[in-house]
């Protein structure tokens, strides 16, 4: 990733404690670290929710890659949809 540097700029912290970093960062999540009193490091970040973290584990990533490769080689088809639905509906017992 290229390093982009810009000259320091003066920002004013509002009465509500907020500072604007500019529209290009609107909606982004950031990590704010206080290195020492009055010194902050602000970095953009991508946060992964806990319930989705498993998707980034090596085994899950390998399984997903394998499934995507299979789906690329086996295009979807509606050719047997009617037969499958008829089979499912005929084997379903009516509820009483």
C-alpha atoms as a PDB file:
ATOM      1  CA  UNK A   1       0.000   0.000   0.000  1.00  0.00           C
ATOM      2  CA  UNK A   2       1.499   3.352  -0.954  1.00  0.00           C
ATOM      3  CA  UNK A   3       2.225   5.795   1.818  1.00  0.00           C
ATOM      4  CA  UNK A   4       0.410   9.082   1.341  1.00  0.00           C
ATOM      5  CA  UNK A   5       1.616  11.974   3.391  1.00  0.00           C
ATOM      6  CA  UNK A   6       0.141  15.413   3.634  1.00  0.00           C
ATOM      7  CA  UNK A   7       1.289  18.498   5.485  1.00  0.00           C
ATOM      8  CA  UNK A   8      -0.082  18.966   8.985  1.00  0.00           C
ATOM      9  CA  UNK A   9      -3.378  20.800   9.225  1.00  0.00           C
ATOM     10  CA  UNK A  10      -5.013  22.493  12.156  1.00  0.00           C
ATOM     11  CA  UNK A  11      -8.345  21.048  13.268  1.00  0.00           C
ATOM     12  CA  UNK A  12     -10.548  22.312  16.070  1.00  0.00           C
ATOM     13  CA  UNK A  13     -12.154  19.854  18.432  1.00  0.00           C
ATOM     14  CA  UNK A  14     -15.790  20.891  18.793  1.00  0.00           C
ATOM     15  CA  UNK A  15     -17.673  21.403  22.033  1.00  0.00           C
ATOM     16  CA  UNK A  16     -19.031  17.864  21.693  1.00  0.00           C
ATOM     17  CA  UNK A  17     -15.492  16.415  21.505  1.00  0.00           C
ATOM     18  CA  UNK A  18     -15.590  15.595  17.781  1.00  0.00           C
ATOM     19  CA  UNK A  19     -13.112  16.335  15.022  1.00  0.00           C
ATOM     20  CA  UNK A  20     -13.760  16.122  11.277  1.00  0.00           C
ATOM     21  CA  UNK A  21     -11.256  14.202   9.169  1.00  0.00           C
ATOM     22  CA  UNK A  22     -12.943  15.032   5.867  1.00  0.00           C
ATOM     23  CA  UNK A  23     -15.674  13.619   3.661  1.00  0.00           C
ATOM     24  CA  UNK A  24     -13.368  11.009   2.123  1.00  0.00           C
ATOM     25  CA  UNK A  25     -13.497   9.159   5.467  1.00  0.00           C
ATOM     26  CA  UNK A  26     -17.257   9.528   6.043  1.00  0.00           C
ATOM     27  CA  UNK A  27     -18.775   6.298   7.305  1.00  0.00           C
ATOM     28  CA  UNK A  28     -15.398   4.583   7.779  1.00  0.00           C
ATOM     29  CA  UNK A  29     -14.454   2.851  10.995  1.00  0.00           C
ATOM     30  CA  UNK A  30     -11.224   3.959  12.631  1.00  0.00           C
ATOM     31  CA  UNK A  31      -8.991   2.873  15.468  1.00  0.00           C
ATOM     32  CA  UNK A  32      -8.005   5.693  17.793  1.00  0.00           C
ATOM     33  CA  UNK A  33      -4.986   5.105  20.014  1.00  0.00           C
ATOM     34  CA  UNK A  34      -3.798   7.601  22.575  1.00  0.00           C
ATOM     35  CA  UNK A  35      -0.012   7.215  22.478  1.00  0.00           C
ATOM     36  CA  UNK A  36       0.528   9.748  25.265  1.00  0.00           C
ATOM     37  CA  UNK A  37      -1.369  12.703  26.652  1.00  0.00           C
ATOM     38  CA  UNK A  38      -2.461  14.813  23.686  1.00  0.00           C
ATOM     39  CA  UNK A  39      -0.989  12.457  21.033  1.00  0.00           C
ATOM     40  CA  UNK A  40      -3.418  10.300  19.076  1.00  0.00           C
ATOM     41  CA  UNK A  41      -2.874   7.849  16.254  1.00  0.00           C
ATOM     42  CA  UNK A  42      -5.952   7.418  14.052  1.00  0.00           C
ATOM     43  CA  UNK A  43      -6.011   4.535  11.553  1.00  0.00           C
ATOM     44  CA  UNK A  44      -8.778   3.350   9.238  1.00  0.00           C
ATOM     45  CA  UNK A  45      -9.815  -0.209   9.995  1.00  0.00           C
ATOM     46  CA  UNK A  46     -12.118  -2.978   8.885  1.00  0.00           C
ATOM     47  CA  UNK A  47     -13.862  -4.563  11.849  1.00  0.00           C
ATOM     48  CA  UNK A  48     -15.090  -8.144  11.541  1.00  0.00           C
ATOM     49  CA  UNK A  49     -18.114  -8.984  13.716  1.00  0.00           C
ATOM     50  CA  UNK A  50     -17.511 -11.882  16.117  1.00  0.00           C
ATOM     51  CA  UNK A  51     -20.206 -14.033  14.491  1.00  0.00           C
ATOM     52  CA  UNK A  52     -18.480 -13.687  11.084  1.00  0.00           C
ATOM     53  CA  UNK A  53     -14.894 -14.221  12.239  1.00  0.00           C
ATOM     54  CA  UNK A  54     -15.051 -17.954  11.417  1.00  0.00           C
ATOM     55  CA  UNK A  55     -15.269 -17.038   7.715  1.00  0.00           C
ATOM     56  CA  UNK A  56     -11.705 -15.739   7.910  1.00  0.00           C
ATOM     57  CA  UNK A  57     -10.242 -18.893   9.454  1.00  0.00           C
ATOM     58  CA  UNK A  58      -7.972 -20.878   7.080  1.00  0.00           C
ATOM     59  CA  UNK A  59     -10.238 -23.969   6.926  1.00  0.00           C
ATOM     60  CA  UNK A  60     -13.387 -21.946   6.245  1.00  0.00           C
ATOM     61  CA  UNK A  61     -11.565 -19.913   3.606  1.00  0.00           C
ATOM     62  CA  UNK A  62     -10.370 -23.138   1.924  1.00  0.00           C
ATOM     63  CA  UNK A  63     -13.884 -24.638   2.048  1.00  0.00           C
ATOM     64  CA  UNK A  64     -15.386 -21.468   0.575  1.00  0.00           C
ATOM     65  CA  UNK A  65     -12.776 -21.394  -2.205  1.00  0.00           C
ATOM     66  CA  UNK A  66     -13.528 -25.037  -3.015  1.00  0.00           C
ATOM     67  CA  UNK A  67     -17.292 -24.347  -3.077  1.00  0.00           C
ATOM     68  CA  UNK A  68     -16.841 -21.304  -5.322  1.00  0.00           C
ATOM     69  CA  UNK A  69     -14.673 -23.315  -7.724  1.00  0.00           C
ATOM     70  CA  UNK A  70     -17.306 -26.091  -7.804  1.00  0.00           C
ATOM     71  CA  UNK A  71     -20.101 -23.607  -8.505  1.00  0.00           C
ATOM     72  CA  UNK A  72     -18.070 -22.040 -11.320  1.00  0.00           C
ATOM     73  CA  UNK A  73     -17.741 -25.464 -12.957  1.00  0.00           C
ATOM     74  CA  UNK A  74     -21.365 -26.496 -12.314  1.00  0.00           C
ATOM     75  CA  UNK A  75     -23.686 -23.761 -13.562  1.00  0.00           C
ATOM     76  CA  UNK A  76     -27.190 -23.587 -12.152  1.00  0.00           C
ATOM     77  CA  UNK A  77     -30.102 -24.917 -14.153  1.00  0.00           C
ATOM     78  CA  UNK A  78     -33.877 -24.905 -13.798  1.00  0.00           C
ATOM     79  CA  UNK A  79     -34.185 -27.972 -16.014  1.00  0.00           C
ATOM     80  CA  UNK A  80     -35.242 -30.319 -13.204  1.00  0.00           C
ATOM     81  CA  UNK A  81     -37.021 -27.839 -10.917  1.00  0.00           C
ATOM     82  CA  UNK A  82     -40.556 -29.026 -11.744  1.00  0.00           C
ATOM     83  CA  UNK A  83     -39.622 -32.684 -11.222  1.00  0.00           C
ATOM     84  CA  UNK A  84     -37.921 -31.896  -7.907  1.00  0.00           C
ATOM     85  CA  UNK A  85     -40.882 -29.873  -6.631  1.00  0.00           C
ATOM     86  CA  UNK A  86     -43.328 -32.593  -7.672  1.00  0.00           C
ATOM     87  CA  UNK A  87     -41.226 -35.177  -5.863  1.00  0.00           C
ATOM     88  CA  UNK A  88     -41.015 -33.099  -2.694  1.00  0.00           C
ATOM     89  CA  UNK A  89     -44.705 -32.236  -2.704  1.00  0.00           C
ATOM     90  CA  UNK A  90     -45.826 -35.796  -3.360  1.00  0.00           C
ATOM     91  CA  UNK A  91     -43.727 -37.152  -0.475  1.00  0.00           C
ATOM     92  CA  UNK A  92     -44.975 -34.525   1.974  1.00  0.00           C
ATOM     93  CA  UNK A  93     -47.746 -35.784   4.203  1.00  0.00           C
ATOM     94  CA  UNK A  94     -50.702 -33.454   4.787  1.00  0.00           C
ATOM     95  CA  UNK A  95     -50.794 -32.083   8.323  1.00  0.00           C
ATOM     96  CA  UNK A  96     -53.972 -32.618  10.276  1.00  0.00           C
END
